[in-house]
């Protein structure tokens, strides 16, 4: 299991450096303003299992 994972919605993908993370997931842009999308939440839960 990676120590540092990045999960961000699409509008933030250029804000964080991928090289600082062992695993990356960029989701679709979320225009609704939610902190995390269902897509990214599911990805995180799958990684924790």
C-alpha atoms as a PDB file:
ATOM      1  CA  UNK A   1       0.000   0.000   0.000  1.00  0.00           C
ATOM      2  CA  UNK A   2       1.465   3.385  -0.919  1.00  0.00           C
ATOM      3  CA  UNK A   3       2.356   5.784   1.844  1.00  0.00           C
ATOM      4  CA  UNK A   4       1.200   8.913   0.007  1.00  0.00           C
ATOM      5  CA  UNK A   5      -1.673   8.965  -2.457  1.00  0.00           C
ATOM      6  CA  UNK A   6      -3.129  11.934  -4.271  1.00  0.00           C
ATOM      7  CA  UNK A   7      -6.838  12.040  -5.119  1.00  0.00           C
ATOM      8  CA  UNK A   8      -8.079  15.338  -6.518  1.00  0.00           C
ATOM      9  CA  UNK A   9     -10.867  16.524  -8.744  1.00  0.00           C
ATOM     10  CA  UNK A  10      -9.830  17.664 -12.208  1.00  0.00           C
ATOM     11  CA  UNK A  11      -9.745  21.394 -11.515  1.00  0.00           C
ATOM     12  CA  UNK A  12      -6.924  20.876  -8.989  1.00  0.00           C
ATOM     13  CA  UNK A  13      -4.748  18.489 -10.980  1.00  0.00           C
ATOM     14  CA  UNK A  14      -2.159  21.156 -11.835  1.00  0.00           C
ATOM     15  CA  UNK A  15      -1.914  22.428  -8.246  1.00  0.00           C
ATOM     16  CA  UNK A  16      -0.114  19.391  -6.811  1.00  0.00           C
ATOM     17  CA  UNK A  17       3.117  17.794  -8.007  1.00  0.00           C
ATOM     18  CA  UNK A  18       2.602  14.125  -8.957  1.00  0.00           C
ATOM     19  CA  UNK A  19       6.240  13.352  -8.134  1.00  0.00           C
ATOM     20  CA  UNK A  20       5.504  13.917  -4.428  1.00  0.00           C
ATOM     21  CA  UNK A  21       3.042  10.992  -4.370  1.00  0.00           C
ATOM     22  CA  UNK A  22       3.447   7.263  -4.879  1.00  0.00           C
ATOM     23  CA  UNK A  23      -0.004   6.896  -6.413  1.00  0.00           C
ATOM     24  CA  UNK A  24      -2.235   9.425  -8.187  1.00  0.00           C
ATOM     25  CA  UNK A  25      -5.891   9.619  -9.163  1.00  0.00           C
ATOM     26  CA  UNK A  26      -7.372  12.649 -10.889  1.00  0.00           C
ATOM     27  CA  UNK A  27     -11.129  12.646 -11.122  1.00  0.00           C
ATOM     28  CA  UNK A  28     -13.513  14.608 -13.273  1.00  0.00           C
ATOM     29  CA  UNK A  29     -13.968  18.305 -12.483  1.00  0.00           C
ATOM     30  CA  UNK A  30     -16.639  18.846  -9.837  1.00  0.00           C
ATOM     31  CA  UNK A  31     -18.608  21.996 -10.495  1.00  0.00           C
ATOM     32  CA  UNK A  32     -20.814  21.375  -7.446  1.00  0.00           C
ATOM     33  CA  UNK A  33     -18.118  22.427  -5.004  1.00  0.00           C
ATOM     34  CA  UNK A  34     -17.941  19.123  -3.111  1.00  0.00           C
ATOM     35  CA  UNK A  35     -14.664  18.507  -1.318  1.00  0.00           C
ATOM     36  CA  UNK A  36     -14.412  15.042  -2.851  1.00  0.00           C
ATOM     37  CA  UNK A  37     -16.414  13.411  -5.634  1.00  0.00           C
ATOM     38  CA  UNK A  38     -18.062   9.999  -5.349  1.00  0.00           C
ATOM     39  CA  UNK A  39     -15.562   8.692  -7.924  1.00  0.00           C
ATOM     40  CA  UNK A  40     -12.573   9.713  -5.804  1.00  0.00           C
ATOM     41  CA  UNK A  41     -14.212   8.574  -2.568  1.00  0.00           C
ATOM     42  CA  UNK A  42     -14.749   5.111  -4.036  1.00  0.00           C
ATOM     43  CA  UNK A  43     -11.121   4.990  -5.216  1.00  0.00           C
ATOM     44  CA  UNK A  44      -9.872   5.893  -1.735  1.00  0.00           C
ATOM     45  CA  UNK A  45     -12.072   3.272  -0.068  1.00  0.00           C
ATOM     46  CA  UNK A  46     -10.851   0.613  -2.528  1.00  0.00           C
ATOM     47  CA  UNK A  47      -7.227   1.513  -1.711  1.00  0.00           C
ATOM     48  CA  UNK A  48      -7.863   1.146   2.033  1.00  0.00           C
ATOM     49  CA  UNK A  49      -9.263  -2.388   1.756  1.00  0.00           C
END
